[in-house]
Amino acid sequence: MKFSKSIAILLISLVFSYSFNLPVFAEDDALKAALSMQKAFINVAKKLKPAVVNISTEKVVSQGKTLSYDDETYDFLKKFFNMPGFKGQQEEPKIQGAGSGVIISSDGVIVTNNHVVKGATKIIVKTYDEEKYEAKIIGQDPQTDLAVIKVEAEKPLTAAQFADSDKVEVGEWAIAVGSPLGLEQTVTTGVVSAVGRSGIGAATIEDFIQTDASINPGNSGGPLVNLEGKVIGINTLIYNAPGSGIGFSIPSNLVAKVSQQIQNTGQVTRPYLGITMQPITEELANHYSLKNLDGVVILDIKSNSPADKAGLKAMDIITEFDNKPIKTTSELQKLVIQSEVNKIVNLKVLRKGETEFLKIKLEQMPQSFGLSESELAELPSRKSVNEIDSLGLSVKTFTPEMASKMRAEHREGVIVTGVKAGTKADNSGLKTGDIVLQVNGEEVKTDLDFEKAISNAKNNNGHVFLINRNGIPMFVVISDEK
């Protein structure tokens, strides 16, 4: 007897389902499950898009080149008129940048990566409905590569919800939203590939979530979310090359803690040990006859740091912190930053195979800790987000290196790195590249001197700056009436 093709398929389905204890018509159920999953992704995209913004930045770089006079004419003017800095108007080339951000409160507060906005003289935020706003920096944290910016929107914005990143598990779905390669409101999917990744070399504090959701340039600062549409991380790094399938996100719990401190005080307060460390290798474990690879080995100790004061040494192996066992570098790092400044903790250390117990007093991590020379040069002035920001300018200590690059003769003072259009500083005629020598009669050599001079002002009518512009000294008055 011959069976039709459809009957044969039905019988095979019944036998297969019975043998493996599966429901009949599993194909339909599988399709329903797939459609349900698809619907979940669609819902996440709809939920998150209003909370994700595109960020474009502009940086002005002063190069000290002439526009009006050639070198021969300049030399003549310098000798005849005794005008050592008269070189005409300086070129100020503009560098464009782009990234993403996440709205964290309806009044326009946004979190993004520090590398997206650092050094920017202008920041433009574009929301999902094409509205554009100019943003100001509230605070930056180079150690975690996070920054908080704010826009003054005409209506309440949609804020994202954060998940508990400590509960994120390897294998769960992960969805990245952002503006990769300038393509705004892009959604890519993948899974959480790993958690607690460190030793990447991207930031001083590393505790990354690794994902294979496609992350490309422009995704930086955008969210990594779960199927509930809650943020589990801020995308910050691509490994090796775009499209490699390996990306990293800063966990949402760390993002929430850093962003809240920045909103409250304009900066981040956290304890530190002052060490460079790495995981235990098999070679080191064999050398010291260790039973396992638990613990971290100290490679270097910063001078005058808590670790230095406590007597820690290079090649010490930390196995316990505050009576808690340590297995990895990320575990130790997390325990340290979750502690409190000035807290005294116990350390269990293996030194040349012998166990020692030390006490260490945690101190406030310096803003410069773990940063390269170029990153140190770009550290923001703390006052720039308060009173100085209200004037509409940003400044930085003028270093000899900057003077050499700009071919400037003056070697001290602070350089104006940005002037916001329409502000008091802009109305006074102050320009990017001006070198401030005095404020209200007080000599300024560093950005801290500048902050103090502004804070110490007794005249409420404004400020008087003595500046050097292209070698020419002049006064600039920033009036509160303008």
Protein backbone atom coordinates (compact mmCIF):
# COMPACT_ATOMS: atom_id res chain seq x y z
CA MET A 1 0.00 0.00 0.00
CA LYS A 2 1.38 3.41 -0.93
CA PHE A 3 1.05 6.44 1.31
CA SER A 4 0.88 9.98 0.11
CA LYS A 5 3.81 12.26 0.90
CA SER A 6 1.80 14.27 3.42
CA ILE A 7 0.67 11.17 5.31
CA ALA A 8 4.24 9.87 5.41
CA ILE A 9 5.48 13.14 6.87
CA LEU A 10 2.70 13.07 9.45
CA LEU A 11 3.56 9.53 10.54
CA ILE A 12 7.27 10.35 10.78
CA SER A 13 6.42 13.43 12.85
CA LEU A 14 4.25 11.36 15.19
CA VAL A 15 6.92 8.67 15.65
CA PHE A 16 9.65 11.28 16.19
CA SER A 17 7.54 13.22 18.66
CA TYR A 18 6.59 10.07 20.58
CA SER A 19 10.19 8.79 20.67
CA PHE A 20 11.60 12.02 22.07
CA ASN A 21 8.57 13.01 24.11
CA LEU A 22 7.95 16.09 21.97
CA PRO A 23 4.58 17.67 21.25
CA VAL A 24 2.94 16.91 17.91
CA PHE A 25 3.35 19.57 15.20
CA ALA A 26 6.67 20.76 16.72
CA GLU A 27 7.36 22.70 13.52
CA ASP A 28 4.43 25.01 14.23
CA ASP A 29 5.55 25.43 17.82
CA ALA A 30 9.07 26.21 16.68
CA LEU A 31 7.76 28.83 14.29
CA LYS A 32 5.65 30.35 17.06
CA ALA A 33 8.69 30.44 19.34
CA ALA A 34 10.77 32.11 16.61
CA LEU A 35 8.07 34.71 15.97
CA SER A 36 7.81 35.34 19.70
CA MET A 37 11.55 35.92 19.87
CA GLN A 38 11.38 38.21 16.86
CA LYS A 39 8.60 40.18 18.55
CA ALA A 40 10.78 40.54 21.65
CA PHE A 41 13.59 42.08 19.58
CA ILE A 42 11.14 44.45 17.89
CA ASN A 43 9.75 45.54 21.26
CA VAL A 44 13.25 46.18 22.63
CA ALA A 45 14.15 48.30 19.61
CA LYS A 46 10.97 50.36 19.95
CA LYS A 47 11.50 50.80 23.67
CA LEU A 48 15.18 51.78 23.48
CA LYS A 49 15.38 54.02 20.43
CA PRO A 50 13.87 57.10 22.15
CA ALA A 51 16.49 56.77 24.93
CA VAL A 52 19.50 56.52 22.59
CA VAL A 53 21.08 59.62 21.04
CA ASN A 54 23.62 60.37 18.36
CA ILE A 55 26.53 62.55 19.50
CA SER A 56 28.66 64.63 17.13
CA THR A 57 31.63 66.63 18.38
CA GLU A 58 33.92 69.34 17.15
CA LYS A 59 37.47 69.99 18.29
CA VAL A 60 39.49 73.08 17.42
CA VAL A 61 43.23 72.56 17.13
CA SER A 62 45.48 75.62 17.19
CA GLN A 63 48.56 75.09 15.03
CA GLY A 64 50.13 78.54 15.06
CA LYS A 65 50.36 78.91 11.28
CA THR A 66 50.03 82.24 9.50
CA LEU A 67 47.36 83.29 7.11
CA SER A 68 48.31 86.91 6.42
CA TYR A 69 52.08 87.09 6.18
CA ASP A 70 54.94 84.98 4.88
CA ASP A 71 58.04 84.35 7.01
CA GLU A 72 60.06 87.14 5.38
CA THR A 73 57.35 89.75 6.01
CA TYR A 74 56.90 88.46 9.55
CA ASP A 75 60.63 88.82 10.28
CA PHE A 76 60.55 92.40 8.98
CA LEU A 77 57.55 93.35 11.14
CA LYS A 78 59.11 91.71 14.16
CA LYS A 79 62.38 93.63 13.78
CA PHE A 80 61.01 97.02 12.69
CA PHE A 81 57.93 97.29 14.91
CA ASN A 82 59.26 95.19 17.83
CA MET A 83 56.18 92.95 17.67
CA PRO A 84 57.50 89.49 18.55
CA GLY A 85 54.21 87.67 18.16
CA PHE A 86 52.61 89.50 15.23
CA LYS A 87 51.94 86.62 12.86
CA GLY A 88 48.47 87.37 11.60
CA GLN A 89 45.38 85.33 12.28
CA GLN A 90 45.93 81.71 13.33
CA GLU A 91 44.37 78.83 11.50
CA GLU A 92 42.10 76.74 13.69
CA PRO A 93 41.33 73.47 11.90
CA LYS A 94 38.30 71.58 13.19
CA ILE A 95 38.23 67.85 13.84
CA GLN A 96 34.85 66.12 13.72
CA GLY A 97 33.92 63.11 15.86
CA ALA A 98 30.87 60.96 16.47
CA GLY A 99 29.44 58.48 18.94
CA SER A 100 26.32 57.49 20.83
CA GLY A 101 24.82 58.14 24.25
CA VAL A 102 22.07 56.99 26.60
CA ILE A 103 19.54 59.31 28.23
CA ILE A 104 19.52 58.54 31.96
CA SER A 105 17.07 61.18 33.17
CA SER A 106 14.15 62.98 31.54
CA ASP A 107 15.70 66.41 32.18
CA GLY A 108 18.39 65.77 29.56
CA VAL A 109 21.22 64.02 31.41
CA ILE A 110 23.11 61.63 29.11
CA VAL A 111 25.89 59.13 29.74
CA THR A 112 28.45 58.29 27.06
CA ASN A 113 32.10 57.33 26.71
CA ASN A 114 34.72 59.85 27.78
CA HIS A 115 36.65 59.27 24.56
CA VAL A 116 33.59 60.41 22.59
CA VAL A 117 33.53 63.90 24.13
CA LYS A 118 36.99 64.55 25.56
CA GLY A 119 38.62 67.68 24.20
CA ALA A 120 35.44 68.70 22.39
CA THR A 121 34.79 72.41 21.97
CA LYS A 122 31.27 71.73 20.72
CA ILE A 123 28.93 68.80 21.35
CA ILE A 124 25.69 68.29 19.42
CA VAL A 125 23.14 65.70 20.53
CA LYS A 126 20.49 64.44 18.12
CA THR A 127 17.52 62.48 19.45
CA TYR A 128 15.58 59.74 17.63
CA ASP A 129 12.97 62.31 16.48
CA GLU A 130 15.67 64.43 14.77
CA GLU A 131 15.74 67.16 17.44
CA LYS A 132 19.20 68.69 17.94
CA TYR A 133 20.61 70.22 21.11
CA GLU A 134 24.00 71.60 22.12
CA ALA A 135 25.28 69.74 25.17
CA LYS A 136 27.65 70.69 27.98
CA ILE A 137 29.90 68.34 29.90
CA ILE A 138 28.85 67.76 33.51
CA GLY A 139 31.87 65.63 34.37
CA GLN A 140 34.32 63.06 33.02
CA ASP A 141 35.94 59.93 34.44
CA PRO A 142 38.93 58.88 32.30
CA GLN A 143 39.61 55.85 34.52
CA THR A 144 36.39 54.13 33.41
CA ASP A 145 36.08 55.99 30.08
CA LEU A 146 32.71 57.45 31.07
CA ALA A 147 31.35 60.98 30.79
CA VAL A 148 28.07 62.68 31.66
CA ILE A 149 26.69 65.46 29.46
CA LYS A 150 23.47 67.47 29.59
CA VAL A 151 21.13 69.12 27.13
CA GLU A 152 18.38 71.66 27.78
CA ALA A 153 15.44 70.10 25.96
CA GLU A 154 12.10 71.80 25.50
CA LYS A 155 10.25 68.66 26.58
CA PRO A 156 10.93 65.70 28.91
CA LEU A 157 13.11 63.07 27.25
CA THR A 158 12.72 59.30 27.47
CA ALA A 159 15.21 57.78 29.90
CA ALA A 160 16.52 54.22 29.71
CA GLN A 161 16.13 51.72 32.54
CA PHE A 162 19.19 50.00 33.98
CA ALA A 163 19.43 46.30 34.85
CA ASP A 164 21.57 44.76 37.61
CA SER A 165 24.74 43.87 35.71
CA ASP A 166 25.90 41.59 38.52
CA LYS A 167 23.12 39.20 37.44
CA VAL A 168 24.15 39.12 33.78
CA GLU A 169 25.02 35.59 32.66
CA VAL A 170 27.10 34.26 29.80
CA GLY A 171 24.88 33.11 26.96
CA GLU A 172 21.98 35.49 27.48
CA TRP A 173 20.79 37.63 24.61
CA ALA A 174 22.45 41.03 24.14
CA ILE A 175 21.25 43.85 21.89
CA ALA A 176 23.42 46.85 20.94
CA VAL A 177 21.84 50.16 19.92
CA GLY A 178 23.76 53.12 18.55
CA SER A 179 25.15 54.91 15.51
CA PRO A 180 27.88 52.67 14.04
CA LEU A 181 29.76 54.22 11.13
CA GLY A 182 27.35 57.17 11.24
CA LEU A 183 24.26 54.99 10.67
CA GLU A 184 21.93 56.26 13.40
CA GLN A 185 19.51 54.13 15.45
CA THR A 186 21.10 50.83 14.40
CA VAL A 187 20.17 47.65 16.29
CA THR A 188 22.41 44.56 16.33
CA THR A 189 21.97 41.32 18.28
CA GLY A 190 24.17 38.69 19.83
CA VAL A 191 24.85 37.10 23.19
CA VAL A 192 26.90 37.86 26.28
CA SER A 193 30.16 36.07 25.50
CA ALA A 194 31.86 36.64 28.87
CA VAL A 195 31.72 38.81 31.98
CA GLY A 196 34.41 40.32 34.19
CA ARG A 197 36.87 40.82 31.36
CA SER A 198 39.95 42.82 32.37
CA GLY A 199 43.55 43.26 31.27
CA ILE A 200 42.40 44.60 27.90
CA GLY A 201 44.38 47.82 28.29
CA ALA A 202 41.53 50.11 27.31
CA ALA A 203 40.99 51.82 30.67
CA THR A 204 42.48 52.04 34.14
CA ILE A 205 39.42 50.30 35.63
CA GLU A 206 38.28 47.33 33.58
CA ASP A 207 35.42 44.95 34.33
CA PHE A 208 33.91 44.51 30.89
CA ILE A 209 30.98 42.53 29.57
CA GLN A 210 32.09 40.86 26.34
CA THR A 211 29.57 40.43 23.54
CA ASP A 212 29.42 39.29 19.92
CA ALA A 213 26.64 41.77 19.10
CA SER A 214 28.15 43.75 16.23
CA ILE A 215 29.85 46.91 17.55
CA ASN A 216 31.59 49.34 15.21
CA PRO A 217 33.00 52.90 15.39
CA GLY A 218 30.13 55.18 16.38
CA ASN A 219 28.58 52.60 18.73
CA SER A 220 30.77 53.96 21.54
CA GLY A 221 28.60 55.31 24.35
CA GLY A 222 25.50 53.45 23.21
CA PRO A 223 23.72 50.81 25.30
CA LEU A 224 23.95 47.04 25.44
CA VAL A 225 20.54 45.80 26.61
CA ASN A 226 18.76 42.57 27.53
CA LEU A 227 15.46 41.22 26.19
CA GLU A 228 13.58 43.33 28.72
CA GLY A 229 15.03 46.45 27.11
CA LYS A 230 17.09 47.29 30.19
CA VAL A 231 20.67 48.53 29.91
CA ILE A 232 23.26 46.00 31.03
CA GLY A 233 26.26 47.96 29.75
CA ILE A 234 27.65 50.91 27.80
CA ASN A 235 29.47 49.86 24.63
CA THR A 236 33.01 51.15 24.71
CA LEU A 237 35.50 49.04 22.79
CA ILE A 238 36.00 46.86 19.74
CA TYR A 239 38.69 44.22 19.82
CA ASN A 240 41.23 44.40 17.03
CA ALA A 241 39.03 45.32 14.06
CA PRO A 242 35.42 46.26 13.29
CA GLY A 243 33.20 43.23 12.76
CA SER A 244 35.56 40.92 14.68
CA GLY A 245 32.69 39.65 16.80
CA ILE A 246 34.38 40.75 20.01
CA GLY A 247 33.14 43.92 21.69
CA PHE A 248 33.21 45.17 25.26
CA SER A 249 30.74 47.09 27.41
CA ILE A 250 31.08 48.80 30.78
CA PRO A 251 28.67 47.07 33.24
CA SER A 252 25.52 49.04 34.09
CA ASN A 253 26.16 48.96 37.85
CA LEU A 254 29.52 50.69 37.40
CA VAL A 255 27.96 53.15 34.94
CA ALA A 256 25.17 53.99 37.38
CA LYS A 257 27.58 54.57 40.26
CA VAL A 258 29.96 56.76 38.26
CA SER A 259 27.23 58.81 36.58
CA GLN A 260 25.45 59.45 39.88
CA GLN A 261 28.64 60.74 41.52
CA ILE A 262 29.34 62.99 38.53
CA GLN A 263 25.83 64.43 38.71
CA ASN A 264 26.15 65.04 42.44
CA THR A 265 29.67 66.50 42.61
CA GLY A 266 31.04 66.85 39.08
CA GLN A 267 33.71 64.23 39.74
CA VAL A 268 34.20 60.64 40.94
CA THR A 269 35.52 59.61 44.34
CA ARG A 270 36.92 56.09 44.63
CA PRO A 271 39.64 54.32 46.61
CA TYR A 272 42.69 52.68 45.06
CA LEU A 273 45.69 50.53 45.95
CA GLY A 274 48.20 52.01 43.52
CA ILE A 275 49.40 48.81 41.86
CA THR A 276 49.77 47.33 38.40
CA MET A 277 48.77 43.67 38.48
CA GLN A 278 48.16 40.61 36.34
CA PRO A 279 46.67 37.11 36.84
CA ILE A 280 48.76 34.22 38.14
CA THR A 281 50.38 32.27 35.32
CA GLU A 282 51.04 28.52 35.34
CA GLU A 283 54.77 29.21 35.31
CA LEU A 284 54.49 31.37 38.44
CA ALA A 285 52.24 28.81 40.14
CA ASN A 286 54.77 26.05 39.41
CA HIS A 287 57.66 28.18 40.65
CA TYR A 288 55.99 28.84 44.02
CA SER A 289 54.29 25.40 44.21
CA LEU A 290 50.83 26.98 44.27
CA LYS A 291 47.83 24.64 44.28
CA ASN A 292 45.88 26.78 41.80
CA LEU A 293 45.95 30.03 39.86
CA ASP A 294 43.89 32.01 42.38
CA GLY A 295 45.17 35.49 43.24
CA VAL A 296 46.87 38.39 41.47
CA VAL A 297 50.56 39.19 41.17
CA ILE A 298 51.84 42.76 41.63
CA LEU A 299 53.99 43.98 38.75
CA ASP A 300 54.59 47.57 39.83
CA ILE A 301 53.75 49.92 42.72
CA LYS A 302 53.11 53.64 42.38
CA SER A 303 55.33 55.72 44.63
CA ASN A 304 53.63 57.11 47.77
CA SER A 305 50.46 55.12 47.03
CA PRO A 306 48.54 53.11 49.69
CA ALA A 307 50.30 49.95 48.48
CA ASP A 308 53.69 51.62 48.79
CA LYS A 309 52.91 52.89 52.31
CA ALA A 310 51.65 49.45 53.38
CA GLY A 311 54.92 47.78 52.36
CA LEU A 312 53.67 45.80 49.36
CA LYS A 313 56.34 44.78 46.87
CA ALA A 314 56.55 43.77 43.24
CA MET A 315 55.96 40.01 42.76
CA ASP A 316 53.77 39.84 45.90
CA ILE A 317 50.69 37.69 45.25
CA ILE A 318 47.46 39.01 46.81
CA THR A 319 45.14 36.12 47.70
CA GLU A 320 42.71 37.88 50.07
CA PHE A 321 41.32 41.41 50.32
CA ASP A 322 39.35 42.43 53.41
CA ASN A 323 39.10 38.74 54.36
CA LYS A 324 37.57 37.83 50.97
CA PRO A 325 39.39 35.37 48.69
CA ILE A 326 40.71 36.74 45.40
CA LYS A 327 40.76 34.68 42.23
CA THR A 328 41.09 37.26 39.45
CA THR A 329 42.25 40.82 38.81
CA SER A 330 38.67 41.92 38.11
CA GLU A 331 37.54 40.53 41.50
CA LEU A 332 40.20 42.51 43.35
CA GLN A 333 39.50 45.65 41.35
CA LYS A 334 35.76 45.39 42.03
CA LEU A 335 36.28 44.89 45.77
CA VAL A 336 38.62 47.88 45.98
CA ILE A 337 36.36 50.35 44.18
CA GLN A 338 33.34 49.14 46.16
CA SER A 339 35.18 49.95 49.39
CA GLU A 340 35.43 53.37 51.03
CA VAL A 341 38.19 55.95 51.04
CA ASN A 342 40.21 55.88 54.32
CA LYS A 343 39.01 52.37 55.16
CA ILE A 344 41.70 50.08 56.61
CA VAL A 345 41.55 46.56 55.15
CA ASN A 346 43.48 43.33 55.65
CA LEU A 347 45.50 41.78 52.86
CA LYS A 348 46.72 38.21 52.66
CA VAL A 349 49.87 38.08 50.57
CA LEU A 350 52.24 35.39 49.35
CA ARG A 351 55.80 36.73 49.28
CA LYS A 352 58.48 34.37 47.97
CA GLY A 353 56.27 31.45 48.91
CA GLU A 354 55.61 32.65 52.46
CA THR A 355 52.25 33.95 53.70
CA GLU A 356 52.12 37.46 55.16
CA PHE A 357 49.27 39.61 56.50
CA LEU A 358 49.33 43.35 55.89
CA LYS A 359 47.02 46.25 56.69
CA ILE A 360 46.43 48.91 54.08
CA LYS A 361 44.62 52.23 54.31
CA LEU A 362 42.72 52.99 51.13
CA GLU A 363 43.09 56.51 49.72
CA GLN A 364 41.30 58.60 47.12
CA MET A 365 42.40 57.66 43.61
CA PRO A 366 44.17 60.63 41.96
CA GLN A 367 42.50 61.87 38.81
CA SER A 368 45.73 61.17 36.95
CA PHE A 369 46.18 57.55 38.09
CA GLY A 370 46.77 55.10 35.27
CA LEU A 371 46.55 57.69 32.49
CA SER A 372 49.02 58.20 29.66
CA GLU A 373 50.79 61.53 29.09
CA SER A 374 48.38 62.46 26.30
CA GLU A 375 45.40 61.63 28.52
CA LEU A 376 46.87 63.66 31.37
CA ALA A 377 47.16 66.65 29.05
CA GLU A 378 43.44 66.36 28.27
CA LEU A 379 42.18 66.18 31.84
CA PRO A 380 39.32 68.66 32.29
CA SER A 381 39.43 71.46 34.79
CA ARG A 382 37.06 70.70 37.68
CA LYS A 383 35.88 74.29 37.75
CA SER A 384 34.98 74.26 34.07
CA VAL A 385 31.64 72.63 34.87
CA ASN A 386 30.69 75.21 37.46
CA GLU A 387 31.45 78.94 37.52
CA ILE A 388 33.87 78.90 34.59
CA ASP A 389 31.31 77.06 32.49
CA SER A 390 28.80 79.82 33.19
CA LEU A 391 31.24 82.26 31.56
CA GLY A 392 31.26 80.06 28.49
CA LEU A 393 34.91 79.01 28.29
CA SER A 394 37.19 76.11 29.07
CA VAL A 395 40.89 76.33 29.91
CA LYS A 396 43.92 74.12 30.36
CA THR A 397 47.41 74.62 31.81
CA PHE A 398 49.71 75.90 29.06
CA THR A 399 52.72 73.58 28.94
CA PRO A 400 56.13 74.05 27.28
CA GLU A 401 55.18 71.24 24.90
CA MET A 402 52.09 73.19 23.80
CA ALA A 403 54.22 76.32 23.40
CA SER A 404 56.64 74.47 21.11
CA LYS A 405 53.83 73.11 18.95
CA MET A 406 52.23 76.56 18.69
CA ARG A 407 55.59 78.31 18.21
CA ALA A 408 54.67 80.58 21.10
CA GLU A 409 57.28 82.51 23.06
CA HIS A 410 55.36 82.58 26.35
CA ARG A 411 55.72 79.38 28.39
CA GLU A 412 53.36 79.98 31.32
CA GLY A 413 49.68 80.66 31.83
CA VAL A 414 46.50 78.85 30.84
CA ILE A 415 45.28 78.42 27.30
CA VAL A 416 41.65 78.92 26.33
CA THR A 417 40.60 75.60 24.77
CA GLY A 418 37.03 76.56 23.96
CA VAL A 419 34.63 79.52 23.84
CA LYS A 420 30.90 78.84 23.58
CA ALA A 421 29.02 81.01 21.11
CA GLY A 422 26.75 83.68 22.59
CA THR A 423 28.23 83.50 26.11
CA LYS A 424 29.89 86.19 28.22
CA ALA A 425 33.34 85.01 27.16
CA ASP A 426 32.32 85.09 23.50
CA ASN A 427 30.79 88.55 23.81
CA SER A 428 33.99 89.85 25.43
CA GLY A 429 36.03 88.89 22.37
CA LEU A 430 37.96 86.07 24.04
CA LYS A 431 39.12 83.45 21.53
CA THR A 432 40.25 79.84 21.53
CA GLY A 433 44.05 79.83 21.69
CA ASP A 434 44.33 82.95 23.86
CA ILE A 435 46.82 82.51 26.72
CA VAL A 436 45.59 83.94 30.02
CA LEU A 437 48.38 85.40 32.17
CA GLN A 438 46.38 87.19 34.89
CA VAL A 439 42.81 87.16 36.18
CA ASN A 440 41.64 90.14 38.24
CA GLY A 441 45.24 91.08 38.95
CA GLU A 442 46.24 87.57 40.08
CA GLU A 443 48.95 85.76 38.14
CA VAL A 444 47.82 82.38 36.79
CA LYS A 445 50.20 79.62 35.75
CA THR A 446 47.90 76.58 35.97
CA ASP A 447 44.23 75.81 35.55
CA LEU A 448 44.01 75.52 39.34
CA ASP A 449 45.38 79.08 39.65
CA PHE A 450 42.74 80.14 37.15
CA GLU A 451 39.96 78.49 39.18
CA LYS A 452 41.12 80.16 42.39
CA ALA A 453 41.35 83.58 40.74
CA ILE A 454 37.81 83.26 39.42
CA SER A 455 36.53 82.06 42.81
CA ASN A 456 38.34 84.84 44.70
CA ALA A 457 36.83 87.60 42.58
CA LYS A 458 35.46 90.37 44.82
CA ASN A 459 33.96 92.47 42.03
CA ASN A 460 30.62 91.02 40.96
CA ASN A 461 30.57 93.04 37.75
CA GLY A 462 32.80 90.56 35.94
CA HIS A 463 36.45 89.68 35.41
CA VAL A 464 39.50 91.33 33.85
CA PHE A 465 41.88 89.02 31.95
CA LEU A 466 45.42 89.86 30.87
CA ILE A 467 45.99 87.65 27.85
CA ASN A 468 48.58 86.99 25.20
CA ARG A 469 47.18 86.63 21.69
CA ASN A 470 49.71 85.66 19.04
CA GLY A 471 52.45 87.33 21.11
CA ILE A 472 50.54 90.55 21.71
CA PRO A 473 49.50 91.34 25.33
CA MET A 474 46.04 92.82 25.81
CA PHE A 475 43.20 93.15 28.35
CA VAL A 476 39.84 91.45 27.96
CA VAL A 477 36.92 92.32 30.24
CA ILE A 478 34.23 89.69 30.76
CA SER A 479 31.26 91.65 32.05
CA ASP A 480 28.28 90.10 33.82
CA GLU A 481 26.10 92.60 32.01
CA LYS A 482 26.86 91.09 28.61
